[in-house]
Amino acid sequence: MAIKITTRCAGAALIAALMAATPSRAAEQSSLAIPGQNVLFLSHYIAGDQHLWEKQGLDVKVLNIIGIGSMNAVIAGSADFSMSSGPTITRAYARGQKLVALLTAISQSGQSIVLRKDIADAAHFDAKAPLAERGKVLKGRTFAIGGVGAIPDIVLKVVAKDAGLAPSDVVATPMQPPEFMAAFAAKKIDGFSNSPPFVEQTLIDGSGVLVSDSRIGEPKEFSPVSAALLLARGDFCAGHQSICTKMVHGIYEGTQIIRNDKKTSLAVMKAHFGTYDDKVLEAAYETVKAMTPDNPITTAQDLENGDNMNAAAGFMKPEDKLADYKPLIDNSYVK
């Protein structure tokens, strides 16, 4: 018995065959260096977990490179982008490394200083005193920082200086979580300068007190300042506009989810920081949300405050501040 194939069926079969024979368009490839595994970089975790880059046809390889090494990877060409900080990009630019800020996901330093509660109690620490007074408790203490010259180190040095302390009065030792959390619990260090959720863990379990609070912009003379700052080499986007558009848009969408979708944000946090109690994660989320701007553009003031922090911390001379911050900023991809 002969089988009759209608014109419509034949046409549909031909289209299906052509579609099967035509390979799908390959995703563009890119890489993003992250200086620390913490909730401060929640926007990138959301972009990955919610397939925000994938939906645009961008395949992003995330590289975990501690501290300023992430920015150095961009300078060296081994990463296309990094999420760094205002003080690091301005310091690099002043030294001839041409980088460009594409998006500011966090508009505060993101680094709070935590002191062990037993030390604070013994020192009769007044949490309501002005920061310059609170900072005096740092004298003679040892604090963990993420890395020398990185933003946790800068904040610690600035707060100590505001309190009238000499650089030798405070010992800063580079450590990473969970190393510094274990050292803090074992009383091998006196405190740490770092970000969510580690700060919230000590506040909720009662083992730590805040010396300075990034959530409210302390130290306030340097607020706002760019953190979780998406940057690239100065000439990268000119030759890779599609990649820059997709990368920035993924992080931008991540910031909007942080601002407007607590449930999704907490689910992503739980997936990556599930060893922390739900109360800790919720508190950390509220901290990050408070520091996430509605419109994550980078301003000249954000970067100038980073320069001022560098000078106050002793990482650059005041006279080496940049005269113009516009060449460091490209907000055109934030939309």
Protein backbone atom coordinates (compact mmCIF):
# COMPACT_ATOMS: atom_id res chain seq x y z
CA MET A 1 0.00 0.00 0.00
CA ALA A 2 1.48 3.36 -1.02
CA ILE A 3 1.78 6.08 1.58
CA LYS A 4 0.63 9.49 0.44
CA ILE A 5 2.62 12.45 1.81
CA THR A 6 0.75 15.74 1.67
CA THR A 7 2.50 18.95 0.65
CA ARG A 8 2.00 20.34 4.16
CA CYS A 9 3.57 17.29 5.84
CA ALA A 10 6.44 17.28 3.38
CA GLY A 11 7.11 20.96 4.05
CA ALA A 12 7.08 20.41 7.80
CA ALA A 13 9.41 17.43 7.46
CA LEU A 14 11.81 19.48 5.36
CA ILE A 15 11.88 22.33 7.89
CA ALA A 16 12.49 19.87 10.75
CA ALA A 17 15.32 18.26 8.81
CA LEU A 18 16.92 21.59 8.06
CA MET A 19 16.68 22.64 11.71
CA ALA A 20 18.29 19.40 12.83
CA ALA A 21 21.08 19.84 10.32
CA THR A 22 21.77 23.47 11.31
CA PRO A 23 23.94 23.71 14.42
CA SER A 24 22.78 26.11 17.15
CA ARG A 25 24.78 29.31 17.48
CA ALA A 26 27.65 28.78 19.89
CA ALA A 27 27.65 30.87 23.05
CA GLU A 28 30.28 33.56 23.42
CA GLN A 29 32.97 32.77 25.98
CA SER A 30 34.16 35.03 28.79
CA SER A 31 35.74 34.92 32.23
CA LEU A 32 35.10 36.75 35.49
CA ALA A 33 37.57 36.89 38.39
CA ILE A 34 36.11 37.15 41.91
CA PRO A 35 38.38 38.22 44.83
CA GLY A 36 36.48 36.46 47.60
CA GLN A 37 33.70 33.95 48.17
CA ASN A 38 31.19 35.96 50.15
CA VAL A 39 27.71 37.42 49.85
CA LEU A 40 29.06 40.81 48.79
CA PHE A 41 29.25 39.31 45.29
CA LEU A 42 25.69 37.98 45.39
CA SER A 43 24.84 39.55 42.03
CA HIS A 44 27.30 37.25 40.24
CA TYR A 45 25.98 34.15 42.03
CA ILE A 46 22.46 35.13 40.94
CA ALA A 47 23.57 35.78 37.36
CA GLY A 48 25.04 32.28 37.21
CA ASP A 49 22.36 30.32 39.06
CA GLN A 50 19.46 32.07 37.34
CA HIS A 51 21.08 31.56 33.91
CA LEU A 52 21.03 35.31 33.23
CA TRP A 53 24.19 35.13 31.12
CA GLU A 54 23.25 31.83 29.51
CA LYS A 55 19.92 33.25 28.30
CA GLN A 56 21.88 35.92 26.41
CA GLY A 57 24.26 33.42 24.85
CA LEU A 58 27.22 34.08 27.14
CA ASP A 59 29.19 31.29 28.78
CA VAL A 60 31.03 32.72 31.80
CA LYS A 61 33.90 30.96 33.54
CA VAL A 62 34.20 32.23 37.12
CA LEU A 63 37.72 32.35 38.56
CA ASN A 64 38.17 32.66 42.33
CA ILE A 65 41.35 34.68 42.76
CA ILE A 66 41.95 36.13 46.22
CA GLY A 67 42.15 39.87 46.84
CA ILE A 68 43.74 42.24 44.33
CA GLY A 69 44.93 39.20 42.38
CA SER A 70 41.54 39.20 40.65
CA MET A 71 42.14 42.66 39.22
CA ASN A 72 45.72 41.73 38.36
CA ALA A 73 44.33 38.81 36.33
CA VAL A 74 42.40 41.32 34.22
CA ILE A 75 45.49 43.49 33.77
CA ALA A 76 47.50 40.43 32.71
CA GLY A 77 44.81 39.35 30.26
CA SER A 78 44.08 36.03 31.98
CA ALA A 79 40.54 37.20 32.84
CA ASP A 80 38.19 39.45 30.88
CA PHE A 81 36.46 40.99 33.91
CA SER A 82 36.78 41.16 37.66
CA MET A 83 34.59 42.40 40.49
CA SER A 84 36.95 44.56 42.51
CA SER A 85 36.70 47.86 44.39
CA GLY A 86 37.02 51.59 43.79
CA PRO A 87 40.28 51.93 45.73
CA THR A 88 41.94 49.18 43.70
CA ILE A 89 40.94 50.46 40.26
CA THR A 90 42.04 54.04 40.98
CA ARG A 91 45.35 52.88 42.44
CA ALA A 92 45.99 50.75 39.36
CA TYR A 93 45.02 53.58 37.00
CA ALA A 94 47.36 56.00 38.76
CA ARG A 95 50.17 53.50 38.06
CA GLY A 96 49.42 53.37 34.35
CA GLN A 97 47.11 50.33 34.28
CA LYS A 98 44.19 51.45 32.11
CA LEU A 99 41.02 49.86 33.45
CA VAL A 100 37.38 50.85 33.08
CA ALA A 101 34.51 50.63 35.59
CA LEU A 102 31.39 49.16 33.98
CA LEU A 103 29.00 48.73 36.92
CA THR A 104 29.00 49.32 40.69
CA ALA A 105 26.99 46.53 42.32
CA ILE A 106 27.67 47.72 45.90
CA SER A 107 27.92 51.42 46.78
CA GLN A 108 29.64 51.04 50.16
CA SER A 109 32.93 49.41 51.05
CA GLY A 110 31.10 46.25 52.13
CA GLN A 111 33.70 45.66 54.85
CA SER A 112 32.82 45.88 58.55
CA ILE A 113 35.24 45.49 61.44
CA VAL A 114 34.28 42.91 64.04
CA LEU A 115 35.87 42.58 67.50
CA ARG A 116 35.46 39.62 69.85
CA LYS A 117 32.77 40.40 72.41
CA ASP A 118 34.84 39.25 75.36
CA ILE A 119 37.54 41.79 74.43
CA ALA A 120 34.94 44.51 73.88
CA ASP A 121 33.35 43.82 77.26
CA ALA A 122 36.70 43.90 79.05
CA ALA A 123 37.52 47.22 77.37
CA HIS A 124 34.09 48.67 78.25
CA PHE A 125 33.56 49.28 74.55
CA ASP A 126 30.82 51.82 73.76
CA ALA A 127 29.13 50.77 70.52
CA LYS A 128 27.26 54.10 70.40
CA ALA A 129 30.36 56.31 70.56
CA PRO A 130 31.61 58.11 67.42
CA LEU A 131 33.67 55.91 65.13
CA ALA A 132 36.89 57.81 65.95
CA GLU A 133 36.37 56.84 69.59
CA ARG A 134 35.30 53.27 68.87
CA GLY A 135 38.38 52.75 66.71
CA LYS A 136 40.70 53.20 69.68
CA VAL A 137 39.79 49.68 70.78
CA LEU A 138 41.83 48.36 67.82
CA LYS A 139 45.12 49.29 69.49
CA GLY A 140 47.33 46.31 70.23
CA ARG A 141 44.93 43.90 68.53
CA THR A 142 45.32 41.41 65.69
CA PHE A 143 42.74 41.42 62.90
CA ALA A 144 42.30 39.13 59.92
CA ILE A 145 42.00 40.80 56.53
CA GLY A 146 41.25 39.31 53.12
CA GLY A 147 44.58 40.36 51.62
CA VAL A 148 47.23 43.07 51.92
CA GLY A 149 46.14 46.16 49.99
CA ALA A 150 42.63 44.80 49.42
CA ILE A 151 39.55 46.67 50.61
CA PRO A 152 39.28 44.90 54.05
CA ASP A 153 42.87 46.01 54.77
CA ILE A 154 42.14 49.56 53.60
CA VAL A 155 39.06 49.89 55.84
CA LEU A 156 40.95 48.59 58.87
CA LYS A 157 43.81 51.05 58.32
CA VAL A 158 41.46 53.99 57.72
CA VAL A 159 39.43 53.36 60.90
CA ALA A 160 42.64 52.97 62.92
CA LYS A 161 44.02 56.22 61.52
CA ASP A 162 40.77 58.08 62.28
CA ALA A 163 41.16 56.88 65.87
CA GLY A 164 44.64 58.40 66.06
CA LEU A 165 46.48 55.08 65.97
CA ALA A 166 49.81 54.46 64.26
CA PRO A 167 50.10 51.72 61.59
CA SER A 168 52.15 49.62 64.03
CA ASP A 169 49.36 49.76 66.63
CA VAL A 170 47.20 47.23 64.76
CA VAL A 171 48.37 43.90 63.35
CA ALA A 172 46.67 42.89 60.08
CA THR A 173 47.08 39.26 59.05
CA PRO A 174 45.84 37.92 55.69
CA MET A 175 43.39 35.07 56.18
CA GLN A 176 40.44 33.67 54.28
CA PRO A 177 37.17 32.17 55.48
CA PRO A 178 36.69 29.65 56.96
CA GLU A 179 40.24 30.05 58.31
CA PHE A 180 39.65 33.39 60.03
CA MET A 181 36.24 32.29 61.33
CA ALA A 182 37.87 29.29 63.01
CA ALA A 183 40.66 31.48 64.39
CA PHE A 184 38.09 33.97 65.69
CA ALA A 185 36.10 31.23 67.42
CA ALA A 186 39.29 29.78 68.94
CA LYS A 187 40.34 33.27 70.14
CA LYS A 188 43.56 33.13 68.13
CA ILE A 189 42.76 36.50 66.58
CA ASP A 190 40.97 39.47 68.11
CA GLY A 191 38.73 40.28 65.18
CA PHE A 192 38.47 40.65 61.44
CA SER A 193 37.63 43.13 58.69
CA ASN A 194 35.36 41.48 56.15
CA SER A 195 31.91 41.16 54.65
CA PRO A 196 28.62 39.23 54.84
CA PRO A 197 27.80 36.55 55.92
CA PHE A 198 30.79 36.28 58.25
CA VAL A 199 30.01 39.52 60.07
CA GLU A 200 26.38 38.51 60.61
CA GLN A 201 27.40 35.08 61.92
CA THR A 202 29.31 36.59 64.85
CA LEU A 203 26.62 39.16 65.60
CA ILE A 204 23.85 36.56 65.71
CA ASP A 205 25.77 34.01 67.77
CA GLY A 206 26.85 36.78 70.14
CA SER A 207 30.59 36.24 69.76
CA GLY A 208 31.35 39.58 68.07
CA VAL A 209 30.51 43.27 68.14
CA LEU A 210 30.81 45.87 65.38
CA VAL A 211 33.57 48.42 65.59
CA SER A 212 32.59 49.87 62.20
CA ASP A 213 29.46 49.14 60.17
CA SER A 214 29.64 49.23 56.38
CA ARG A 215 25.88 48.89 56.07
CA ILE A 216 25.49 52.49 57.29
CA GLY A 217 28.44 53.68 55.23
CA GLU A 218 31.18 53.74 57.88
CA PRO A 219 33.70 55.26 57.66
CA LYS A 220 31.25 57.86 56.39
CA GLU A 221 33.78 60.35 55.03
CA PHE A 222 34.42 57.83 52.23
CA SER A 223 30.80 57.04 51.42
CA PRO A 224 29.67 56.23 48.78
CA VAL A 225 32.47 54.13 47.33
CA SER A 226 32.42 51.48 44.63
CA ALA A 227 32.59 47.83 45.68
CA ALA A 228 31.71 44.66 43.79
CA LEU A 229 32.84 46.88 40.92
CA LEU A 230 32.71 45.19 37.54
CA LEU A 231 35.77 46.24 35.56
CA ALA A 232 37.63 45.37 32.39
CA ARG A 233 40.76 46.49 30.59
CA GLY A 234 40.32 49.93 29.07
CA ASP A 235 40.41 48.66 25.48
CA PHE A 236 38.48 45.40 25.97
CA CYS A 237 34.89 46.48 25.29
CA ALA A 238 35.78 48.32 22.08
CA GLY A 239 36.60 44.96 20.52
CA HIS A 240 34.08 42.88 22.46
CA GLN A 241 30.94 44.98 22.73
CA SER A 242 28.59 42.00 22.65
CA ILE A 243 30.43 40.28 25.53
CA CYS A 244 30.50 43.48 27.58
CA THR A 245 26.79 44.07 26.97
CA LYS A 246 25.89 40.56 28.10
CA MET A 247 28.24 40.48 31.07
CA VAL A 248 27.04 43.81 32.43
CA HIS A 249 23.39 43.00 31.82
CA GLY A 250 23.67 39.73 33.73
CA ILE A 251 25.14 41.48 36.78
CA TYR A 252 22.61 44.31 36.40
CA GLU A 253 19.71 41.84 36.44
CA GLY A 254 21.30 40.23 39.49
CA THR A 255 21.25 43.55 41.36
CA GLN A 256 17.59 44.04 40.48
CA ILE A 257 16.74 40.62 41.88
CA ILE A 258 18.58 41.56 45.09
CA ARG A 259 16.56 44.77 45.31
CA ASN A 260 13.17 43.22 44.49
CA ASP A 261 13.14 39.43 44.94
CA LYS A 262 14.16 38.34 48.42
CA LYS A 263 12.96 34.75 47.92
CA THR A 264 15.16 34.13 44.88
CA SER A 265 18.11 35.92 46.46
CA LEU A 266 17.90 33.77 49.61
CA ALA A 267 17.58 30.59 47.54
CA VAL A 268 20.81 31.43 45.70
CA MET A 269 22.54 32.29 48.99
CA LYS A 270 21.37 29.00 50.47
CA ALA A 271 22.82 27.11 47.50
CA HIS A 272 26.27 28.65 47.98
CA PHE A 273 26.40 29.38 51.72
CA GLY A 274 24.15 26.64 53.04
CA THR A 275 26.37 25.89 56.03
CA TYR A 276 25.15 29.13 57.59
CA ASP A 277 21.95 29.34 59.58
CA ASP A 278 18.88 30.77 57.83
CA LYS A 279 18.84 33.71 60.27
CA VAL A 280 22.43 34.52 59.35
CA LEU A 281 21.68 34.36 55.64
CA GLU A 282 18.60 36.56 55.98
CA ALA A 283 20.58 39.14 57.96
CA ALA A 284 23.36 39.01 55.35
CA TYR A 285 20.80 39.49 52.58
CA GLU A 286 19.43 42.60 54.28
CA THR A 287 22.97 43.96 54.60
CA VAL A 288 23.70 43.42 50.90
CA LYS A 289 20.33 44.83 49.83
CA ALA A 290 20.97 47.99 51.86
CA MET A 291 24.26 48.50 49.99
CA THR A 292 22.92 47.65 46.52
CA PRO A 293 21.94 50.79 44.58
CA ASP A 294 18.76 50.92 42.50
CA ASN A 295 20.81 52.16 39.56
CA PRO A 296 24.25 50.49 39.72
CA ILE A 297 26.17 53.06 37.71
CA THR A 298 29.62 54.25 38.76
CA THR A 299 30.08 57.92 39.62
CA ALA A 300 33.18 60.08 39.83
CA GLN A 301 32.42 60.54 43.53
CA ASP A 302 32.48 56.75 44.05
CA LEU A 303 35.98 56.58 42.61
CA GLU A 304 37.31 59.74 44.21
CA ASN A 305 36.27 58.41 47.61
CA GLY A 306 38.24 55.27 46.77
CA ASP A 307 41.28 57.44 46.06
CA ASN A 308 40.75 59.25 49.36
CA MET A 309 40.67 55.89 51.15
CA ASN A 310 43.93 54.89 49.47
CA ALA A 311 45.58 58.08 50.66
CA ALA A 312 44.21 57.75 54.19
CA ALA A 313 45.38 54.13 54.38
CA GLY A 314 48.86 55.05 53.17
CA PHE A 315 48.65 53.17 49.87
CA MET A 316 49.16 56.26 47.77
CA LYS A 317 50.22 59.88 48.22
CA PRO A 318 47.43 62.49 48.26
CA GLU A 319 49.14 64.30 45.39
CA ASP A 320 48.89 61.15 43.26
CA LYS A 321 45.09 61.33 43.21
CA LEU A 322 43.64 61.39 39.73
CA ALA A 323 42.60 64.76 38.35
CA ASP A 324 39.74 63.32 36.29
CA TYR A 325 37.77 60.12 36.90
CA LYS A 326 35.68 60.19 33.72
CA PRO A 327 38.20 58.14 31.69
CA LEU A 328 37.73 55.28 34.19
CA ILE A 329 33.95 55.10 33.81
CA ASP A 330 31.68 53.63 31.13
CA ASN A 331 28.05 53.41 32.27
CA SER A 332 26.71 52.85 28.75
CA TYR A 333 26.17 49.12 29.29
CA VAL A 334 23.99 49.55 32.40
CA LYS A 335 20.43 49.29 31.07
